């Protein structure tokens, strides 16, 4: 059975590079028994991203379906957006969506454009949305309500105010599937944050605590 692994190579001597490593490797006895190849980081990055979106980063280490994807200013905004949309699309089929985000409301065009794409990604059966915020941005509700209504014209929207919740969740009330995000829409791509498939227990507990607000 042929065994393969990915290893890292770091030069410890100024002036040496990966080319020097390969030259010296193939001149050594090791080249008779081992094959060494170089992977394109671009291809590797795309494959890892696909795996994370489908199964979650933890699936690289454990046999569980979770996701722990870091969103930060490094990648281009469109790459971050693609990850966010792919993960949010897993909620498609939801009828009653619960959004919990203390600072959800925003009228920034970039945030509104992203919200439209997110809603469209899960809109096949969407009928209702309940949004729980801390009430501090109530004057910006209209812009985001308009986005929901643009994508789903007959959608029912309910606003609730609470200071009990500090994390940001998007939850399907129908089946308790959820996504947890480390930032509001206006923070995606601007600072380091996290987006994660919520474990089943988390949405169930959130729904229990939020029952009087739905």
N, C-alpha and C. Protein backbone atom coordinates (compact mmCIF):
# COMPACT_ATOMS: atom_id res chain seq x y z
N UNK A 1 0.84 -1.20 0.00
CA UNK A 1 0.00 0.00 0.00
C UNK A 1 0.87 1.25 0.00
N UNK A 2 0.61 2.15 -0.91
CA UNK A 2 1.38 3.39 -1.00
C UNK A 2 0.80 4.43 -0.06
N UNK A 3 1.65 4.99 0.76
CA UNK A 3 1.22 5.99 1.74
C UNK A 3 1.69 7.37 1.28
N UNK A 4 0.81 8.37 1.39
CA UNK A 4 1.15 9.74 1.01
C UNK A 4 0.83 10.69 2.14
N UNK A 5 1.64 11.70 2.28
CA UNK A 5 1.41 12.73 3.28
C UNK A 5 1.82 14.08 2.71
N UNK A 6 1.27 15.14 3.29
CA UNK A 6 1.69 16.48 2.93
C UNK A 6 2.67 16.96 3.98
N UNK A 7 3.84 17.38 3.56
CA UNK A 7 4.85 17.87 4.50
C UNK A 7 5.24 19.29 4.14
N UNK A 8 5.83 19.97 5.09
CA UNK A 8 6.31 21.32 4.85
C UNK A 8 7.82 21.34 4.79
N UNK A 9 8.33 22.26 3.99
CA UNK A 9 9.78 22.42 3.86
C UNK A 9 10.12 23.89 4.14
N UNK A 10 11.04 24.11 5.05
CA UNK A 10 11.46 25.47 5.40
C UNK A 10 12.98 25.56 5.31
N UNK A 11 13.46 26.61 4.63
CA UNK A 11 14.90 26.76 4.53
C UNK A 11 15.46 27.33 5.84
N UNK A 12 16.56 26.78 6.26
CA UNK A 12 17.23 27.23 7.48
C UNK A 12 18.53 27.95 7.17
N UNK A 13 18.77 28.16 5.89
CA UNK A 13 20.00 28.81 5.46
C UNK A 13 19.66 29.91 4.48
N UNK A 14 20.14 31.11 4.74
CA UNK A 14 19.88 32.24 3.86
C UNK A 14 20.35 31.93 2.44
N UNK A 15 19.50 32.27 1.48
CA UNK A 15 19.86 32.08 0.08
C UNK A 15 19.31 30.82 -0.53
N UNK A 16 18.97 29.81 0.28
CA UNK A 16 18.40 28.57 -0.24
C UNK A 16 16.90 28.76 -0.49
N UNK A 17 16.38 28.01 -1.46
CA UNK A 17 14.95 28.07 -1.74
C UNK A 17 14.44 26.68 -2.06
N UNK A 18 13.18 26.57 -2.45
CA UNK A 18 12.58 25.27 -2.70
C UNK A 18 13.27 24.54 -3.85
N UNK A 19 13.78 25.32 -4.81
CA UNK A 19 14.51 24.70 -5.91
C UNK A 19 15.77 23.99 -5.45
N UNK A 20 16.46 24.60 -4.50
CA UNK A 20 17.66 23.96 -3.94
C UNK A 20 17.30 22.66 -3.23
N UNK A 21 16.15 22.66 -2.55
CA UNK A 21 15.72 21.44 -1.86
C UNK A 21 15.52 20.30 -2.85
N UNK A 22 14.78 20.58 -3.96
CA UNK A 22 14.53 19.53 -4.93
C UNK A 22 15.81 19.06 -5.60
N UNK A 23 16.71 19.97 -5.92
CA UNK A 23 17.98 19.59 -6.55
C UNK A 23 18.78 18.65 -5.65
N UNK A 24 18.86 18.99 -4.38
CA UNK A 24 19.64 18.17 -3.46
C UNK A 24 18.94 16.85 -3.16
N UNK A 25 17.59 16.90 -3.13
CA UNK A 25 16.84 15.67 -2.88
C UNK A 25 17.10 14.65 -3.98
N UNK A 26 16.98 15.09 -5.25
CA UNK A 26 17.10 14.15 -6.36
C UNK A 26 18.53 13.67 -6.59
N UNK A 27 19.50 14.33 -5.96
CA UNK A 27 20.89 13.87 -6.03
C UNK A 27 21.21 12.89 -4.90
N UNK A 28 20.26 12.77 -3.95
CA UNK A 28 20.49 11.90 -2.79
C UNK A 28 19.91 10.51 -3.01
N UNK A 29 20.26 9.60 -2.11
CA UNK A 29 19.73 8.24 -2.18
C UNK A 29 18.23 8.19 -1.93
N UNK A 30 17.70 9.20 -1.25
CA UNK A 30 16.27 9.20 -0.95
C UNK A 30 15.41 9.16 -2.21
N UNK A 31 15.91 9.73 -3.29
CA UNK A 31 15.13 9.81 -4.52
C UNK A 31 14.86 8.44 -5.12
N UNK A 32 15.62 7.41 -4.70
CA UNK A 32 15.40 6.06 -5.22
C UNK A 32 14.17 5.41 -4.58
N UNK A 33 13.82 5.86 -3.38
CA UNK A 33 12.73 5.22 -2.62
C UNK A 33 11.52 6.11 -2.39
N UNK A 34 11.70 7.42 -2.59
CA UNK A 34 10.61 8.35 -2.30
C UNK A 34 10.39 9.31 -3.47
N UNK A 35 9.11 9.62 -3.70
CA UNK A 35 8.78 10.64 -4.69
C UNK A 35 8.34 11.90 -3.99
N UNK A 36 8.80 13.02 -4.46
CA UNK A 36 8.44 14.32 -3.87
C UNK A 36 7.82 15.17 -4.96
N UNK A 37 6.71 15.80 -4.64
CA UNK A 37 6.05 16.66 -5.61
C UNK A 37 5.58 17.93 -4.92
N UNK A 38 5.32 18.93 -5.73
CA UNK A 38 4.92 20.23 -5.20
C UNK A 38 3.49 20.53 -5.60
N UNK A 39 2.65 20.83 -4.63
CA UNK A 39 1.25 21.15 -4.88
C UNK A 39 1.08 22.66 -5.09
N UNK A 40 0.21 23.02 -6.02
CA UNK A 40 -0.12 24.43 -6.20
C UNK A 40 -0.97 24.90 -5.02
N UNK A 41 -0.56 25.96 -4.36
CA UNK A 41 -1.34 26.47 -3.24
C UNK A 41 -2.72 26.93 -3.68
N UNK A 42 -2.83 27.42 -4.92
CA UNK A 42 -4.12 27.89 -5.44
C UNK A 42 -5.10 26.73 -5.52
N UNK A 43 -4.66 25.59 -6.07
CA UNK A 43 -5.54 24.42 -6.19
C UNK A 43 -5.86 23.88 -4.81
N UNK A 44 -4.85 23.79 -3.95
CA UNK A 44 -5.06 23.26 -2.61
C UNK A 44 -6.04 24.11 -1.83
N UNK A 45 -5.94 25.43 -1.96
CA UNK A 45 -6.84 26.34 -1.25
C UNK A 45 -8.28 26.12 -1.68
N UNK A 46 -8.51 25.96 -2.99
CA UNK A 46 -9.87 25.76 -3.50
C UNK A 46 -10.46 24.44 -2.99
N UNK A 47 -9.64 23.39 -2.98
CA UNK A 47 -10.14 22.09 -2.52
C UNK A 47 -10.46 22.11 -1.04
N UNK A 48 -9.61 22.76 -0.25
CA UNK A 48 -9.87 22.86 1.19
C UNK A 48 -11.12 23.67 1.46
N UNK A 49 -11.30 24.76 0.70
CA UNK A 49 -12.48 25.60 0.88
C UNK A 49 -13.75 24.81 0.57
N UNK A 50 -13.73 24.01 -0.49
CA UNK A 50 -14.89 23.19 -0.84
C UNK A 50 -15.21 22.21 0.28
N UNK A 51 -14.16 21.59 0.83
CA UNK A 51 -14.36 20.61 1.89
C UNK A 51 -14.95 21.27 3.14
N UNK A 52 -14.46 22.46 3.47
CA UNK A 52 -14.94 23.17 4.66
C UNK A 52 -16.41 23.53 4.51
N UNK A 53 -16.77 24.04 3.33
CA UNK A 53 -18.16 24.44 3.11
C UNK A 53 -19.09 23.24 3.19
N UNK A 54 -18.65 22.10 2.65
CA UNK A 54 -19.51 20.93 2.62
C UNK A 54 -19.57 20.20 3.97
N UNK A 55 -18.42 20.08 4.63
CA UNK A 55 -18.37 19.25 5.83
C UNK A 55 -17.95 19.99 7.09
N UNK A 56 -17.34 21.14 6.94
CA UNK A 56 -16.84 21.88 8.09
C UNK A 56 -15.37 21.60 8.34
N UNK A 57 -14.70 22.58 8.89
CA UNK A 57 -13.27 22.46 9.14
C UNK A 57 -12.97 21.33 10.11
N UNK A 58 -13.84 21.13 11.09
CA UNK A 58 -13.60 20.07 12.07
C UNK A 58 -13.59 18.69 11.43
N UNK A 59 -14.23 18.55 10.26
CA UNK A 59 -14.23 17.26 9.59
C UNK A 59 -12.84 16.87 9.11
N UNK A 60 -11.92 17.82 9.06
CA UNK A 60 -10.54 17.49 8.71
C UNK A 60 -9.86 16.73 9.84
N UNK A 61 -10.41 16.85 11.06
CA UNK A 61 -9.78 16.25 12.22
C UNK A 61 -10.68 15.26 12.94
N UNK A 62 -12.00 15.50 12.89
CA UNK A 62 -12.96 14.64 13.59
C UNK A 62 -14.05 14.24 12.62
N UNK A 63 -14.72 13.17 12.92
CA UNK A 63 -15.82 12.71 12.08
C UNK A 63 -17.13 13.35 12.51
N UNK A 64 -17.19 14.67 12.41
CA UNK A 64 -18.40 15.40 12.74
C UNK A 64 -18.69 16.40 11.64
N UNK A 65 -19.93 16.83 11.55
CA UNK A 65 -20.30 17.80 10.53
C UNK A 65 -20.48 19.14 11.21
N UNK A 66 -19.42 19.88 11.28
CA UNK A 66 -19.47 21.24 11.80
C UNK A 66 -18.63 22.09 10.90
N UNK A 67 -18.65 23.37 11.11
CA UNK A 67 -17.81 24.26 10.33
C UNK A 67 -17.23 25.31 11.24
N UNK A 68 -15.99 25.64 11.00
CA UNK A 68 -15.36 26.68 11.81
C UNK A 68 -14.47 27.46 10.87
N UNK A 69 -15.07 28.25 10.02
CA UNK A 69 -14.36 28.96 8.98
C UNK A 69 -14.05 30.38 9.46
N UNK A 70 -12.81 30.78 9.30
CA UNK A 70 -12.39 32.11 9.72
C UNK A 70 -12.56 33.08 8.56
N UNK A 71 -13.25 34.18 8.84
CA UNK A 71 -13.41 35.25 7.85
C UNK A 71 -12.55 36.42 8.30
N UNK A 72 -11.68 36.89 7.44
CA UNK A 72 -10.79 37.98 7.84
C UNK A 72 -10.45 38.83 6.64
N UNK A 73 -9.80 39.96 6.83
CA UNK A 73 -9.54 40.88 5.73
C UNK A 73 -8.55 40.37 4.70
N UNK A 74 -7.88 39.25 4.95
CA UNK A 74 -6.87 38.75 4.02
C UNK A 74 -7.43 38.38 2.66
N UNK A 75 -8.36 37.40 2.58
CA UNK A 75 -8.92 37.03 1.28
C UNK A 75 -9.72 38.18 0.67
N UNK A 76 -9.89 38.11 -0.66
CA UNK A 76 -10.72 39.12 -1.31
C UNK A 76 -12.15 38.99 -0.80
N UNK A 77 -12.88 40.11 -0.81
CA UNK A 77 -14.25 40.11 -0.30
C UNK A 77 -15.12 39.09 -1.00
N UNK A 78 -14.93 38.90 -2.31
CA UNK A 78 -15.77 37.95 -3.04
C UNK A 78 -15.52 36.52 -2.59
N UNK A 79 -14.28 36.21 -2.14
CA UNK A 79 -13.99 34.88 -1.64
C UNK A 79 -14.69 34.64 -0.31
N UNK A 80 -14.65 35.64 0.56
CA UNK A 80 -15.33 35.54 1.85
C UNK A 80 -16.83 35.42 1.63
N UNK A 81 -17.35 36.23 0.72
CA UNK A 81 -18.78 36.21 0.43
C UNK A 81 -19.21 34.84 -0.08
N UNK A 82 -18.37 34.22 -0.90
CA UNK A 82 -18.71 32.91 -1.45
C UNK A 82 -18.82 31.88 -0.33
N UNK A 83 -17.93 31.95 0.65
CA UNK A 83 -17.98 31.03 1.79
C UNK A 83 -19.27 31.25 2.59
N UNK A 84 -19.55 32.52 2.87
CA UNK A 84 -20.75 32.85 3.65
C UNK A 84 -22.01 32.35 2.94
N UNK A 85 -22.12 32.60 1.65
CA UNK A 85 -23.31 32.19 0.91
C UNK A 85 -23.44 30.67 0.84
N UNK A 86 -22.32 29.99 0.65
CA UNK A 86 -22.37 28.53 0.57
C UNK A 86 -22.85 27.93 1.89
N UNK A 87 -22.41 28.50 2.99
CA UNK A 87 -22.82 28.00 4.30
C UNK A 87 -24.27 28.35 4.59
N UNK A 88 -24.66 29.60 4.32
CA UNK A 88 -26.04 30.02 4.55
C UNK A 88 -27.03 29.24 3.70
N UNK A 89 -26.59 28.83 2.51
CA UNK A 89 -27.48 28.11 1.61
C UNK A 89 -27.91 26.76 2.19
N UNK A 90 -27.15 26.27 3.17
CA UNK A 90 -27.53 25.01 3.82
C UNK A 90 -28.86 25.15 4.56
N UNK A 91 -29.30 26.39 4.80
CA UNK A 91 -30.59 26.61 5.47
C UNK A 91 -31.75 26.67 4.47
N UNK A 92 -31.46 26.53 3.19
CA UNK A 92 -32.53 26.61 2.20
C UNK A 92 -33.59 25.55 2.49
N UNK A 93 -34.84 25.94 2.33
CA UNK A 93 -35.97 25.09 2.70
C UNK A 93 -36.64 25.56 3.97
N UNK A 94 -35.99 26.49 4.67
CA UNK A 94 -36.57 27.05 5.89
C UNK A 94 -37.87 27.78 5.55
N UNK A 95 -38.86 27.63 6.40
CA UNK A 95 -40.11 28.38 6.26
C UNK A 95 -40.15 29.56 7.22
N UNK A 96 -39.72 29.31 8.46
CA UNK A 96 -39.69 30.37 9.46
C UNK A 96 -38.24 30.54 9.90
N UNK A 97 -37.65 31.66 9.52
CA UNK A 97 -36.25 31.95 9.82
C UNK A 97 -36.15 32.85 11.04
N UNK A 98 -35.24 32.51 11.93
CA UNK A 98 -34.95 33.35 13.09
C UNK A 98 -33.55 33.93 12.93
N UNK A 99 -33.47 35.26 12.98
CA UNK A 99 -32.17 35.94 12.95
C UNK A 99 -31.97 36.62 14.29
N UNK A 100 -30.89 36.26 14.97
CA UNK A 100 -30.55 36.90 16.24
C UNK A 100 -29.23 37.63 16.05
N UNK A 101 -29.26 38.94 16.18
CA UNK A 101 -28.06 39.75 15.99
C UNK A 101 -28.32 41.10 16.66
N UNK A 102 -27.63 41.41 17.73
CA UNK A 102 -27.89 42.68 18.43
C UNK A 102 -27.81 43.90 17.52
N UNK A 103 -26.91 43.85 16.53
CA UNK A 103 -26.68 45.01 15.66
C UNK A 103 -26.98 44.67 14.20
N UNK A 104 -28.01 43.88 13.98
CA UNK A 104 -28.32 43.39 12.64
C UNK A 104 -28.63 44.51 11.65
N UNK A 105 -29.42 45.46 12.05
CA UNK A 105 -29.93 46.43 11.10
C UNK A 105 -28.85 47.40 10.63
N UNK A 106 -28.87 47.65 9.31
CA UNK A 106 -27.88 48.51 8.67
C UNK A 106 -28.45 48.96 7.34
N UNK A 107 -28.10 50.16 6.92
CA UNK A 107 -28.55 50.63 5.61
C UNK A 107 -27.39 50.85 4.66
N UNK A 108 -26.22 50.29 5.00
CA UNK A 108 -25.06 50.38 4.12
C UNK A 108 -25.33 49.54 2.86
N UNK A 109 -25.09 50.10 1.67
CA UNK A 109 -25.39 49.37 0.43
C UNK A 109 -24.69 48.02 0.33
N UNK A 110 -23.47 47.92 0.85
CA UNK A 110 -22.74 46.65 0.80
C UNK A 110 -23.43 45.59 1.65
N UNK A 111 -23.87 45.99 2.84
CA UNK A 111 -24.58 45.06 3.72
C UNK A 111 -25.91 44.65 3.10
N UNK A 112 -26.61 45.59 2.50
CA UNK A 112 -27.90 45.28 1.89
C UNK A 112 -27.74 44.32 0.71
N UNK A 113 -26.68 44.52 -0.07
CA UNK A 113 -26.43 43.63 -1.21
C UNK A 113 -26.11 42.22 -0.75
N UNK A 114 -25.33 42.10 0.32
CA UNK A 114 -25.00 40.78 0.85
C UNK A 114 -26.24 40.12 1.44
N UNK A 115 -27.05 40.90 2.15
CA UNK A 115 -28.29 40.35 2.72
C UNK A 115 -29.19 39.80 1.62
N UNK A 116 -29.31 40.53 0.53
CA UNK A 116 -30.15 40.07 -0.58
C UNK A 116 -29.68 38.72 -1.10
N UNK A 117 -28.37 38.56 -1.24
CA UNK A 117 -27.84 37.29 -1.73
C UNK A 117 -28.08 36.16 -0.72
N UNK A 118 -27.91 36.47 0.57
CA UNK A 118 -28.13 35.46 1.60
C UNK A 118 -29.59 35.01 1.61
N UNK A 119 -30.50 35.97 1.60
CA UNK A 119 -31.93 35.63 1.62
C UNK A 119 -32.30 34.83 0.38
N UNK A 120 -31.78 35.24 -0.77
CA UNK A 120 -32.08 34.52 -2.01
C UNK A 120 -31.56 33.08 -1.96
N UNK A 121 -30.46 32.86 -1.24
CA UNK A 121 -29.86 31.52 -1.18
C UNK A 121 -30.71 30.54 -0.37
N UNK A 122 -31.64 31.05 0.45
CA UNK A 122 -32.44 30.18 1.30
C UNK A 122 -33.94 30.45 1.15
N UNK A 123 -34.32 31.01 0.01
CA UNK A 123 -35.67 31.54 -0.13
C UNK A 123 -36.69 30.60 -0.77
N UNK A 124 -36.31 29.38 -1.07
CA UNK A 124 -37.22 28.53 -1.85
C UNK A 124 -38.56 28.28 -1.16
N UNK A 125 -38.57 28.25 0.20
CA UNK A 125 -39.82 28.04 0.92
C UNK A 125 -40.04 29.08 2.01
N UNK A 126 -39.25 30.11 2.01
CA UNK A 126 -39.29 31.09 3.10
C UNK A 126 -40.61 31.85 3.14
N UNK A 127 -41.24 31.87 4.32
CA UNK A 127 -42.52 32.55 4.50
C UNK A 127 -42.45 33.61 5.59
N UNK A 128 -41.65 33.34 6.63
CA UNK A 128 -41.62 34.25 7.78
C UNK A 128 -40.18 34.44 8.25
N UNK A 129 -39.92 35.62 8.82
CA UNK A 129 -38.64 35.86 9.47
C UNK A 129 -38.89 36.63 10.76
N UNK A 130 -38.29 36.16 11.83
CA UNK A 130 -38.32 36.88 13.10
C UNK A 130 -36.90 37.37 13.37
N UNK A 131 -36.78 38.65 13.66
CA UNK A 131 -35.46 39.26 13.84
C UNK A 131 -35.37 39.81 15.26
N UNK A 132 -34.41 39.31 16.02
CA UNK A 132 -34.22 39.77 17.40
C UNK A 132 -32.94 40.60 17.47
N UNK A 133 -33.08 41.86 17.85
CA UNK A 133 -31.94 42.76 18.00
C UNK A 133 -32.02 43.40 19.39
N UNK A 134 -31.04 44.27 19.67
CA UNK A 134 -31.10 44.99 20.95
C UNK A 134 -31.85 46.32 20.82
N UNK A 135 -32.36 46.59 19.62
CA UNK A 135 -33.18 47.79 19.41
C UNK A 135 -32.41 49.06 19.13
N UNK A 136 -31.08 49.00 19.13
CA UNK A 136 -30.30 50.22 19.00
C UNK A 136 -30.28 50.79 17.58
N UNK A 137 -30.66 49.98 16.60
CA UNK A 137 -30.63 50.45 15.21
C UNK A 137 -32.01 50.37 14.57
N UNK A 138 -33.01 50.59 15.37
CA UNK A 138 -34.39 50.47 14.88
C UNK A 138 -34.68 51.40 13.71
N UNK A 139 -33.97 52.53 13.65
CA UNK A 139 -34.22 53.49 12.57
C UNK A 139 -33.73 52.99 11.21
N UNK A 140 -33.02 51.85 11.20
CA UNK A 140 -32.51 51.31 9.93
C UNK A 140 -33.22 50.03 9.52
N UNK A 141 -34.32 49.74 10.21
CA UNK A 141 -35.07 48.52 9.89
C UNK A 141 -35.58 48.53 8.46
N UNK A 142 -36.10 49.67 8.04
CA UNK A 142 -36.80 49.75 6.76
C UNK A 142 -35.98 49.24 5.59
N UNK A 143 -34.70 49.59 5.57
CA UNK A 143 -33.85 49.20 4.44
C UNK A 143 -33.73 47.68 4.34
N UNK A 144 -33.54 47.03 5.49
CA UNK A 144 -33.39 45.57 5.45
C UNK A 144 -34.72 44.86 5.28
N UNK A 145 -35.79 45.41 5.83
CA UNK A 145 -37.11 44.84 5.57
C UNK A 145 -37.39 44.85 4.07
N UNK A 146 -37.00 45.92 3.41
CA UNK A 146 -37.24 46.03 1.97
C UNK A 146 -36.50 44.94 1.20
N UNK A 147 -35.33 44.57 1.68
CA UNK A 147 -34.56 43.51 1.02
C UNK A 147 -35.31 42.18 1.12
N UNK A 148 -35.77 41.84 2.33
CA UNK A 148 -36.54 40.61 2.51
C UNK A 148 -37.77 40.61 1.60
N UNK A 149 -38.45 41.75 1.54
CA UNK A 149 -39.67 41.84 0.74
C UNK A 149 -39.39 41.81 -0.76
N UNK A 150 -38.21 42.27 -1.15
CA UNK A 150 -37.83 42.22 -2.56
C UNK A 150 -37.63 40.77 -3.00
N UNK A 151 -36.98 39.99 -2.16
CA UNK A 151 -36.70 38.59 -2.51
C UNK A 151 -37.94 37.71 -2.31
N UNK A 152 -38.68 37.94 -1.21
CA UNK A 152 -39.89 37.17 -0.91
C UNK A 152 -41.02 38.17 -0.68
N UNK A 153 -41.74 38.57 -1.71
CA UNK A 153 -42.72 39.67 -1.61
C UNK A 153 -43.77 39.50 -0.52
N UNK A 154 -44.20 38.29 -0.23
CA UNK A 154 -45.27 38.08 0.75
C UNK A 154 -44.74 37.67 2.13
N UNK A 155 -43.47 37.87 2.37
CA UNK A 155 -42.89 37.43 3.62
C UNK A 155 -43.47 38.18 4.81
N UNK A 156 -43.65 37.47 5.93
CA UNK A 156 -44.08 38.09 7.18
C UNK A 156 -42.83 38.39 8.03
N UNK A 157 -42.72 39.63 8.47
CA UNK A 157 -41.54 40.04 9.24
C UNK A 157 -41.96 40.47 10.63
N UNK A 158 -41.32 39.89 11.64
CA UNK A 158 -41.57 40.28 13.02
C UNK A 158 -40.28 40.74 13.67
N UNK A 159 -40.33 41.90 14.31
CA UNK A 159 -39.18 42.42 15.04
C UNK A 159 -39.40 42.24 16.53
N UNK A 160 -38.37 41.77 17.19
CA UNK A 160 -38.40 41.66 18.65
C UNK A 160 -37.13 42.28 19.21
N UNK A 161 -37.24 42.81 20.41
CA UNK A 161 -36.10 43.45 21.06
C UNK A 161 -35.76 42.71 22.35
N UNK A 162 -34.49 42.40 22.51
CA UNK A 162 -34.03 41.72 23.72
C UNK A 162 -32.54 41.98 23.89
N UNK A 163 -32.12 42.06 25.14
CA UNK A 163 -30.69 42.17 25.42
C UNK A 163 -30.16 40.87 26.04
N UNK A 164 -30.91 39.79 25.87
CA UNK A 164 -30.51 38.50 26.42
C UNK A 164 -29.51 37.76 25.53
N UNK A 165 -29.47 38.13 24.26
CA UNK A 165 -28.65 37.39 23.30
C UNK A 165 -27.49 38.26 22.82
N UNK A 166 -26.30 37.67 22.82
CA UNK A 166 -25.11 38.41 22.41
C UNK A 166 -24.42 37.79 21.20
N UNK A 167 -24.69 36.52 20.95
CA UNK A 167 -24.15 35.88 19.74
C UNK A 167 -25.09 36.13 18.57
N UNK A 168 -24.61 35.82 17.39
CA UNK A 168 -25.37 36.07 16.17
C UNK A 168 -25.73 34.74 15.52
N UNK A 169 -27.02 34.45 15.43
CA UNK A 169 -27.49 33.19 14.89
C UNK A 169 -28.47 33.42 13.74
N UNK A 170 -28.43 32.50 12.77
CA UNK A 170 -29.47 32.35 11.74
C UNK A 170 -29.99 30.93 11.92
N UNK A 171 -31.24 30.78 12.29
CA UNK A 171 -31.77 29.47 12.67
C UNK A 171 -33.06 29.17 11.92
N UNK A 172 -33.16 27.97 11.41
CA UNK A 172 -34.42 27.47 10.86
C UNK A 172 -35.26 26.97 12.03
N UNK A 173 -36.35 27.65 12.30
CA UNK A 173 -37.21 27.24 13.41
C UNK A 173 -37.87 25.90 13.11
N UNK A 174 -38.02 25.57 11.84
CA UNK A 174 -38.70 24.33 11.44
C UNK A 174 -37.94 23.09 11.90
N UNK A 175 -36.61 23.12 11.78
CA UNK A 175 -35.85 21.90 12.09
C UNK A 175 -34.66 22.14 13.01
N UNK A 176 -34.56 23.35 13.55
CA UNK A 176 -33.50 23.69 14.52
C UNK A 176 -32.10 23.58 13.92
N UNK A 177 -31.98 23.77 12.62
CA UNK A 177 -30.65 23.87 12.01
C UNK A 177 -30.22 25.32 12.09
N UNK A 178 -28.94 25.56 12.28
CA UNK A 178 -28.53 26.94 12.43
C UNK A 178 -27.09 27.22 12.04
N UNK A 179 -26.82 28.50 11.88
CA UNK A 179 -25.48 29.01 11.59
C UNK A 179 -25.18 30.09 12.63
N UNK A 180 -23.97 30.07 13.16
CA UNK A 180 -23.55 31.12 14.08
C UNK A 180 -22.46 31.93 13.41
N UNK A 181 -22.56 33.25 13.52
CA UNK A 181 -21.60 34.14 12.89
C UNK A 181 -20.95 35.03 13.94
N UNK A 182 -19.68 35.28 13.75
CA UNK A 182 -18.94 36.10 14.71
C UNK A 182 -19.08 37.59 14.49
N UNK A 183 -19.77 37.99 13.41
CA UNK A 183 -19.94 39.41 13.14
C UNK A 183 -21.25 39.65 12.43
N UNK A 184 -21.73 40.89 12.50
CA UNK A 184 -22.90 41.29 11.72
C UNK A 184 -22.48 41.41 10.25
N UNK A 185 -23.46 41.59 9.38
CA UNK A 185 -23.16 41.64 7.95
C UNK A 185 -22.17 42.75 7.60
N UNK A 186 -22.25 43.87 8.32
CA UNK A 186 -21.36 44.98 7.98
C UNK A 186 -19.92 44.76 8.42
N UNK A 187 -19.66 43.67 9.15
CA UNK A 187 -18.30 43.38 9.58
C UNK A 187 -17.61 42.30 8.78
N UNK A 188 -18.36 41.62 7.90
CA UNK A 188 -17.78 40.54 7.13
C UNK A 188 -16.72 41.09 6.17
N UNK A 189 -15.53 40.56 6.28
CA UNK A 189 -14.43 41.00 5.42
C UNK A 189 -13.64 42.16 5.95
N UNK A 190 -14.12 42.77 7.05
CA UNK A 190 -13.43 43.93 7.61
C UNK A 190 -12.60 43.60 8.83
N UNK A 191 -12.95 42.51 9.49
CA UNK A 191 -12.23 42.12 10.69
C UNK A 191 -12.27 40.61 10.83
N UNK A 192 -11.40 40.08 11.66
CA UNK A 192 -11.36 38.64 11.87
C UNK A 192 -12.63 38.19 12.58
N UNK A 193 -13.28 37.20 12.03
CA UNK A 193 -14.49 36.67 12.65
C UNK A 193 -14.67 35.23 12.21
N UNK A 194 -15.73 34.61 12.64
CA UNK A 194 -15.94 33.19 12.43
C UNK A 194 -17.37 32.93 12.00
N UNK A 195 -17.54 31.96 11.11
CA UNK A 195 -18.87 31.49 10.77
C UNK A 195 -18.87 29.98 10.92
N UNK A 196 -19.92 29.45 11.55
CA UNK A 196 -19.89 28.07 12.00
C UNK A 196 -21.27 27.45 11.90
N UNK A 197 -21.35 26.18 11.51
CA UNK A 197 -22.61 25.47 11.63
C UNK A 197 -22.87 25.22 13.11
N UNK A 198 -23.98 25.67 13.59
CA UNK A 198 -24.30 25.48 15.01
C UNK A 198 -24.61 24.01 15.27
N UNK A 199 -24.17 23.50 16.42
CA UNK A 199 -24.54 22.15 16.80
C UNK A 199 -26.03 22.12 17.11
N UNK A 200 -26.63 20.94 17.05
CA UNK A 200 -28.09 20.83 17.23
C UNK A 200 -28.53 21.38 18.58
N UNK A 201 -27.72 21.18 19.60
CA UNK A 201 -28.11 21.61 20.95
C UNK A 201 -28.22 23.12 21.05
N UNK A 202 -27.36 23.85 20.36
CA UNK A 202 -27.38 25.31 20.45
C UNK A 202 -28.69 25.91 19.94
N UNK A 203 -29.12 25.61 18.70
CA UNK A 203 -30.40 26.15 18.24
C UNK A 203 -31.58 25.74 19.12
N UNK A 204 -31.57 24.52 19.62
CA UNK A 204 -32.67 24.08 20.48
C UNK A 204 -32.74 24.94 21.74
N UNK A 205 -31.59 25.24 22.32
CA UNK A 205 -31.56 26.07 23.52
C UNK A 205 -31.96 27.50 23.19
N UNK A 206 -31.48 28.02 22.06
CA UNK A 206 -31.85 29.37 21.64
C UNK A 206 -33.35 29.48 21.42
N UNK A 207 -33.93 28.50 20.77
CA UNK A 207 -35.37 28.52 20.52
C UNK A 207 -36.16 28.44 21.80
N UNK A 208 -35.65 27.72 22.78
CA UNK A 208 -36.32 27.65 24.07
C UNK A 208 -36.29 29.02 24.76
N UNK A 209 -35.14 29.67 24.74
CA UNK A 209 -34.99 30.97 25.39
C UNK A 209 -35.75 32.08 24.67
N UNK A 210 -35.90 31.92 23.36
CA UNK A 210 -36.53 32.96 22.55
C UNK A 210 -38.00 32.72 22.27
N UNK A 211 -38.55 31.69 22.83
CA UNK A 211 -39.92 31.27 22.51
C UNK A 211 -40.92 32.42 22.67
N UNK A 212 -40.77 33.23 23.71
CA UNK A 212 -41.72 34.32 23.95
C UNK A 212 -41.54 35.49 22.99
N UNK A 213 -40.49 35.45 22.17
CA UNK A 213 -40.21 36.55 21.23
C UNK A 213 -40.57 36.19 19.79
N UNK A 214 -40.94 34.95 19.55
CA UNK A 214 -41.19 34.49 18.18
C UNK A 214 -42.59 34.84 17.70
